[in-house]
Structure formats: structure tokens, C-alpha cells
């Protein structure tokens, strides 16, 4: 061994962990976040009811408004299924979004994106050739026992209410 070589430590190149991908039958990750009125909401508080958990990038932007209003518009057709939207927005912005569009369902603030990461809804996105980390629009139907019944990654805003209705009828 040449002089000084024994001081060199071989270092493995760190790898980026694969994004979580939830599948039907998986236990839904816990949720404990502040809603649009500043009240802590837990997924476990809805046990016994189905819950649609959907992740959207930013309140009051065109796609997010289409998605949220589409879910608002099918509220009368989903029985006692709970709808919960999650974004990195702070509660005050979520409250304005809810008030402006009369959404009538729970919006949760995940500014540290910990819950989005647990659901696999936080990942690399590209816009105008620039890569950045952000919310990957996704939706999950969680059953009455807290298990993932359906997982829709990269769902379009217009498809979210349609997929929910189809899953509930199925």
C-alpha cells in the first residue's frame, strides 16, 4: 500500500431512497395536522367511515380549485365518506380557500410535508425544465378500518371526484 492510502476510507455514494408507494391493503399512515380553523385533526378520528385523503400543491390555484370544487360538487353522492385535502399551505390560507369556494370539507396544513412524504405524495417535479421537490397530486381512499382501499398517484384534478365515485360504487 502506498503511503497515505491506509488513511483513505472508502465511502459509498449515498442513494436517494425510493418514494413510498402505498397500495391497497396497506395501513394508511397516521395524520395529525392543523385544519383551516387551526384545530388538530387526526385520521384516526374518522375510524368507522371511509375517508378520501387527497394531496394538492397549492390552495386557490387553477388545478387545485378544479379538484377541490369537483369534490365539493359530489359531496351529496358519497354518503358519509369524509373528504380531507392536504397541502403545504398554512391554515389561514386554507381557510380563505374554503371560504372563497364554499368547499365544506376539511383542509389540512402540512408545511413540513411529513404526511405527504409518508403517503408518497412528495417528490421531484419538473416545470419549464427545472426540477424541484413538491406535492405529487395524489388521492387515497382509506377504508373504515384505516387501510388503503385505493391509491391514485399523479391523478388529474378532474379525475379525482370521478375515481372516488367509481370506487364507492364498486
C-alpha atoms as a PDB file:
ATOM      1  CA  UNK A   1       0.000   0.000   0.000  1.00  0.00           C
ATOM      2  CA  UNK A   2       1.371   3.432  -0.921  1.00  0.00           C
ATOM      3  CA  UNK A   3       1.968   5.936   1.847  1.00  0.00           C
ATOM      4  CA  UNK A   4      -1.242   7.619   2.966  1.00  0.00           C
ATOM      5  CA  UNK A   5      -3.549   5.132   1.264  1.00  0.00           C
ATOM      6  CA  UNK A   6      -4.438   3.436   4.522  1.00  0.00           C
ATOM      7  CA  UNK A   7      -5.919   6.747   5.681  1.00  0.00           C
ATOM      8  CA  UNK A   8      -8.422   6.810   2.832  1.00  0.00           C
ATOM      9  CA  UNK A   9     -11.761   5.362   3.798  1.00  0.00           C
ATOM     10  CA  UNK A  10     -13.932   4.018   1.039  1.00  0.00           C
ATOM     11  CA  UNK A  11     -17.250   5.837   1.093  1.00  0.00           C
ATOM     12  CA  UNK A  12     -20.344   4.531  -0.571  1.00  0.00           C
ATOM     13  CA  UNK A  13     -22.214   7.049  -2.648  1.00  0.00           C
ATOM     14  CA  UNK A  14     -25.461   7.811  -0.787  1.00  0.00           C
ATOM     15  CA  UNK A  15     -28.568   6.821  -2.659  1.00  0.00           C
ATOM     16  CA  UNK A  16     -31.839   8.679  -2.684  1.00  0.00           C
ATOM     17  CA  UNK A  17     -34.484   6.489  -1.055  1.00  0.00           C
ATOM     18  CA  UNK A  18     -37.288   5.392  -3.316  1.00  0.00           C
ATOM     19  CA  UNK A  19     -40.507   7.290  -2.863  1.00  0.00           C
ATOM     20  CA  UNK A  20     -43.053   5.425  -0.763  1.00  0.00           C
ATOM     21  CA  UNK A  21     -45.824   3.886  -2.838  1.00  0.00           C
ATOM     22  CA  UNK A  22     -48.906   2.855  -0.918  1.00  0.00           C
ATOM     23  CA  UNK A  23     -51.010   0.003  -2.258  1.00  0.00           C
ATOM     24  CA  UNK A  24     -54.469  -1.323  -1.444  1.00  0.00           C
ATOM     25  CA  UNK A  25     -54.335  -3.226   1.849  1.00  0.00           C
ATOM     26  CA  UNK A  26     -51.559  -1.090   3.350  1.00  0.00           C
ATOM     27  CA  UNK A  27     -52.256   0.647   6.643  1.00  0.00           C
ATOM     28  CA  UNK A  28     -52.810   4.343   5.942  1.00  0.00           C
ATOM     29  CA  UNK A  29     -50.094   6.461   7.577  1.00  0.00           C
ATOM     30  CA  UNK A  30     -51.248   8.446  10.605  1.00  0.00           C
ATOM     31  CA  UNK A  31     -52.324  12.045  10.129  1.00  0.00           C
ATOM     32  CA  UNK A  32     -52.324  14.704  12.874  1.00  0.00           C
ATOM     33  CA  UNK A  33     -52.343  18.167  11.289  1.00  0.00           C
ATOM     34  CA  UNK A  34     -53.999  21.544  11.785  1.00  0.00           C
ATOM     35  CA  UNK A  35     -57.103  22.243   9.724  1.00  0.00           C
ATOM     36  CA  UNK A  36     -58.252  25.515   8.192  1.00  0.00           C
ATOM     37  CA  UNK A  37     -59.527  26.725  11.575  1.00  0.00           C
ATOM     38  CA  UNK A  38     -56.351  25.773  13.464  1.00  0.00           C
ATOM     39  CA  UNK A  39     -57.806  22.626  15.079  1.00  0.00           C
ATOM     40  CA  UNK A  40     -55.700  19.454  15.114  1.00  0.00           C
ATOM     41  CA  UNK A  41     -57.355  16.698  13.077  1.00  0.00           C
ATOM     42  CA  UNK A  42     -56.351  13.040  13.180  1.00  0.00           C
ATOM     43  CA  UNK A  43     -57.159  10.398  10.577  1.00  0.00           C
ATOM     44  CA  UNK A  44     -57.927   8.000  13.436  1.00  0.00           C
ATOM     45  CA  UNK A  45     -60.851  10.215  14.499  1.00  0.00           C
ATOM     46  CA  UNK A  46     -62.709   9.059  11.350  1.00  0.00           C
ATOM     47  CA  UNK A  47     -62.429   5.324  12.127  1.00  0.00           C
ATOM     48  CA  UNK A  48     -65.600   3.568  11.057  1.00  0.00           C
ATOM     49  CA  UNK A  49     -66.008   5.826   7.993  1.00  0.00           C
ATOM     50  CA  UNK A  50     -64.331   5.860   4.604  1.00  0.00           C
ATOM     51  CA  UNK A  51     -62.003   8.812   4.050  1.00  0.00           C
ATOM     52  CA  UNK A  52     -60.735  10.293   0.807  1.00  0.00           C
ATOM     53  CA  UNK A  53     -57.332  11.846   1.551  1.00  0.00           C
ATOM     54  CA  UNK A  54     -56.109  13.962  -1.347  1.00  0.00           C
ATOM     55  CA  UNK A  55     -52.888  15.924  -1.701  1.00  0.00           C
ATOM     56  CA  UNK A  56     -52.765  19.087  -3.775  1.00  0.00           C
ATOM     57  CA  UNK A  57     -49.892  21.538  -4.397  1.00  0.00           C
ATOM     58  CA  UNK A  58     -51.323  24.954  -3.546  1.00  0.00           C
ATOM     59  CA  UNK A  59     -54.668  26.376  -2.460  1.00  0.00           C
ATOM     60  CA  UNK A  60     -56.577  28.593  -4.876  1.00  0.00           C
ATOM     61  CA  UNK A  61     -54.564  27.748  -7.976  1.00  0.00           C
ATOM     62  CA  UNK A  62     -56.478  26.621 -11.092  1.00  0.00           C
ATOM     63  CA  UNK A  63     -55.887  22.861 -10.882  1.00  0.00           C
ATOM     64  CA  UNK A  64     -56.325  22.702  -7.129  1.00  0.00           C
ATOM     65  CA  UNK A  65     -59.524  24.735  -7.322  1.00  0.00           C
ATOM     66  CA  UNK A  66     -60.889  22.412 -10.043  1.00  0.00           C
ATOM     67  CA  UNK A  67     -60.065  19.375  -7.906  1.00  0.00           C
ATOM     68  CA  UNK A  68     -61.490  20.767  -4.649  1.00  0.00           C
ATOM     69  CA  UNK A  69     -64.649  22.148  -6.262  1.00  0.00           C
ATOM     70  CA  UNK A  70     -65.199  18.846  -8.088  1.00  0.00           C
ATOM     71  CA  UNK A  71     -65.108  17.038  -4.747  1.00  0.00           C
ATOM     72  CA  UNK A  72     -67.409  19.645  -3.210  1.00  0.00           C
ATOM     73  CA  UNK A  73     -69.859  19.090  -6.060  1.00  0.00           C
ATOM     74  CA  UNK A  74     -70.086  15.303  -5.497  1.00  0.00           C
ATOM     75  CA  UNK A  75     -70.479  15.581  -1.698  1.00  0.00           C
ATOM     76  CA  UNK A  76     -74.154  14.643  -1.950  1.00  0.00           C
ATOM     77  CA  UNK A  77     -73.270  11.412  -3.781  1.00  0.00           C
ATOM     78  CA  UNK A  78     -70.621   9.980  -1.431  1.00  0.00           C
ATOM     79  CA  UNK A  79     -72.710   9.107   1.632  1.00  0.00           C
ATOM     80  CA  UNK A  80     -70.842   9.525   4.902  1.00  0.00           C
ATOM     81  CA  UNK A  81     -67.404   9.355   3.247  1.00  0.00           C
ATOM     82  CA  UNK A  82     -65.143  12.060   4.678  1.00  0.00           C
ATOM     83  CA  UNK A  83     -63.100  14.258   2.321  1.00  0.00           C
ATOM     84  CA  UNK A  84     -59.768  15.602   3.577  1.00  0.00           C
ATOM     85  CA  UNK A  85     -57.473  17.763   1.444  1.00  0.00           C
ATOM     86  CA  UNK A  86     -53.809  18.251   2.387  1.00  0.00           C
ATOM     87  CA  UNK A  87     -51.357  20.859   1.105  1.00  0.00           C
ATOM     88  CA  UNK A  88     -48.274  22.690   2.392  1.00  0.00           C
ATOM     89  CA  UNK A  89     -50.370  25.867   2.811  1.00  0.00           C
ATOM     90  CA  UNK A  90     -50.818  27.355   6.276  1.00  0.00           C
ATOM     91  CA  UNK A  91     -54.256  27.219   7.984  1.00  0.00           C
ATOM     92  CA  UNK A  92     -55.107  30.882   7.253  1.00  0.00           C
ATOM     93  CA  UNK A  93     -54.641  30.341   3.509  1.00  0.00           C
ATOM     94  CA  UNK A  94     -56.679  27.131   3.674  1.00  0.00           C
ATOM     95  CA  UNK A  95     -59.485  28.984   5.443  1.00  0.00           C
ATOM     96  CA  UNK A  96     -59.583  31.634   2.671  1.00  0.00           C
ATOM     97  CA  UNK A  97     -59.647  28.867   0.041  1.00  0.00           C
ATOM     98  CA  UNK A  98     -62.528  27.112   1.822  1.00  0.00           C
ATOM     99  CA  UNK A  99     -64.485  30.334   2.330  1.00  0.00           C
ATOM    100  CA  UNK A 100     -63.973  31.554  -1.240  1.00  0.00           C
ATOM    101  CA  UNK A 101     -65.211  28.320  -2.834  1.00  0.00           C
ATOM    102  CA  UNK A 102     -67.603  27.030  -0.137  1.00  0.00           C
ATOM    103  CA  UNK A 103     -65.784  23.693  -0.027  1.00  0.00           C
ATOM    104  CA  UNK A 104     -67.275  22.468   3.228  1.00  0.00           C
ATOM    105  CA  UNK A 105     -64.693  19.772   3.945  1.00  0.00           C
ATOM    106  CA  UNK A 106     -61.514  19.522   5.999  1.00  0.00           C
ATOM    107  CA  UNK A 107     -58.340  21.071   4.611  1.00  0.00           C
ATOM    108  CA  UNK A 108     -55.125  20.240   6.448  1.00  0.00           C
ATOM    109  CA  UNK A 109     -51.843  22.126   6.605  1.00  0.00           C
ATOM    110  CA  UNK A 110     -48.670  20.055   6.049  1.00  0.00           C
ATOM    111  CA  UNK A 111     -45.962  22.760   5.677  1.00  0.00           C
ATOM    112  CA  UNK A 112     -43.148  20.348   6.562  1.00  0.00           C
ATOM    113  CA  UNK A 113     -44.625  17.819   4.078  1.00  0.00           C
ATOM    114  CA  UNK A 114     -44.108  14.956   6.557  1.00  0.00           C
ATOM    115  CA  UNK A 115     -47.552  13.458   5.902  1.00  0.00           C
ATOM    116  CA  UNK A 116     -47.157  13.937   2.138  1.00  0.00           C
ATOM    117  CA  UNK A 117     -43.859  12.030   2.328  1.00  0.00           C
ATOM    118  CA  UNK A 118     -45.469   9.221   4.359  1.00  0.00           C
ATOM    119  CA  UNK A 119     -48.102   8.814   1.620  1.00  0.00           C
ATOM    120  CA  UNK A 120     -45.575   9.075  -1.236  1.00  0.00           C
ATOM    121  CA  UNK A 121     -47.155  12.343  -2.379  1.00  0.00           C
ATOM    122  CA  UNK A 122     -43.948  14.393  -2.099  1.00  0.00           C
ATOM    123  CA  UNK A 123     -41.409  14.027  -4.870  1.00  0.00           C
ATOM    124  CA  UNK A 124     -39.466  15.536  -7.711  1.00  0.00           C
ATOM    125  CA  UNK A 125     -41.421  17.599 -10.187  1.00  0.00           C
ATOM    126  CA  UNK A 126     -40.361  19.474 -13.295  1.00  0.00           C
ATOM    127  CA  UNK A 127     -41.586  22.795 -14.578  1.00  0.00           C
ATOM    128  CA  UNK A 128     -40.067  24.553 -17.573  1.00  0.00           C
ATOM    129  CA  UNK A 129     -37.084  22.204 -17.390  1.00  0.00           C
ATOM    130  CA  UNK A 130     -36.393  22.992 -13.727  1.00  0.00           C
ATOM    131  CA  UNK A 131     -36.510  20.146 -11.216  1.00  0.00           C
ATOM    132  CA  UNK A 132     -37.798  20.801  -7.713  1.00  0.00           C
ATOM    133  CA  UNK A 133     -39.464  18.950  -4.843  1.00  0.00           C
ATOM    134  CA  UNK A 134     -43.190  19.363  -4.328  1.00  0.00           C
ATOM    135  CA  UNK A 135     -46.592  17.746  -3.915  1.00  0.00           C
ATOM    136  CA  UNK A 136     -47.359  14.998  -6.405  1.00  0.00           C
ATOM    137  CA  UNK A 137     -51.138  15.304  -6.791  1.00  0.00           C
ATOM    138  CA  UNK A 138     -52.449  12.061  -5.315  1.00  0.00           C
ATOM    139  CA  UNK A 139     -55.587  10.666  -3.693  1.00  0.00           C
ATOM    140  CA  UNK A 140     -56.225   7.740  -1.374  1.00  0.00           C
ATOM    141  CA  UNK A 141     -59.452   6.102  -0.345  1.00  0.00           C
ATOM    142  CA  UNK A 142     -58.998   4.811   3.200  1.00  0.00           C
ATOM    143  CA  UNK A 143     -61.494   2.230   4.452  1.00  0.00           C
ATOM    144  CA  UNK A 144     -63.363   2.134   7.747  1.00  0.00           C
ATOM    145  CA  UNK A 145     -60.515   0.248   9.455  1.00  0.00           C
ATOM    146  CA  UNK A 146     -57.722   2.599   8.336  1.00  0.00           C
ATOM    147  CA  UNK A 147     -56.474   0.529   5.394  1.00  0.00           C
ATOM    148  CA  UNK A 148     -55.775   1.932   1.940  1.00  0.00           C
ATOM    149  CA  UNK A 149     -58.577   0.788  -0.334  1.00  0.00           C
ATOM    150  CA  UNK A 150     -57.435   2.727  -3.439  1.00  0.00           C
ATOM    151  CA  UNK A 151     -54.283   4.731  -4.217  1.00  0.00           C
ATOM    152  CA  UNK A 152     -54.166   7.116  -7.172  1.00  0.00           C
ATOM    153  CA  UNK A 153     -50.797   8.758  -7.827  1.00  0.00           C
ATOM    154  CA  UNK A 154     -50.425  11.617 -10.311  1.00  0.00           C
ATOM    155  CA  UNK A 155     -54.211  11.897 -10.540  1.00  0.00           C
ATOM    156  CA  UNK A 156     -55.668  14.716 -12.595  1.00  0.00           C
ATOM    157  CA  UNK A 157     -57.822  17.322 -10.835  1.00  0.00           C
ATOM    158  CA  UNK A 158     -60.889  16.412 -12.915  1.00  0.00           C
ATOM    159  CA  UNK A 159     -60.465  12.657 -12.341  1.00  0.00           C
ATOM    160  CA  UNK A 160     -60.381  12.839  -8.526  1.00  0.00           C
ATOM    161  CA  UNK A 161     -64.169  13.053  -7.957  1.00  0.00           C
ATOM    162  CA  UNK A 162     -64.828  10.542 -10.775  1.00  0.00           C
ATOM    163  CA  UNK A 163     -62.419   7.949  -9.319  1.00  0.00           C
ATOM    164  CA  UNK A 164     -63.914   8.449  -5.859  1.00  0.00           C
ATOM    165  CA  UNK A 165     -67.461   7.901  -7.112  1.00  0.00           C
ATOM    166  CA  UNK A 166     -66.433   4.817  -9.109  1.00  0.00           C
ATOM    167  CA  UNK A 167     -64.599   3.325  -6.111  1.00  0.00           C
ATOM    168  CA  UNK A 168     -67.549   3.885  -3.806  1.00  0.00           C
ATOM    169  CA  UNK A 169     -69.932   2.206  -6.271  1.00  0.00           C
ATOM    170  CA  UNK A 170     -67.544  -0.719  -6.873  1.00  0.00           C
END
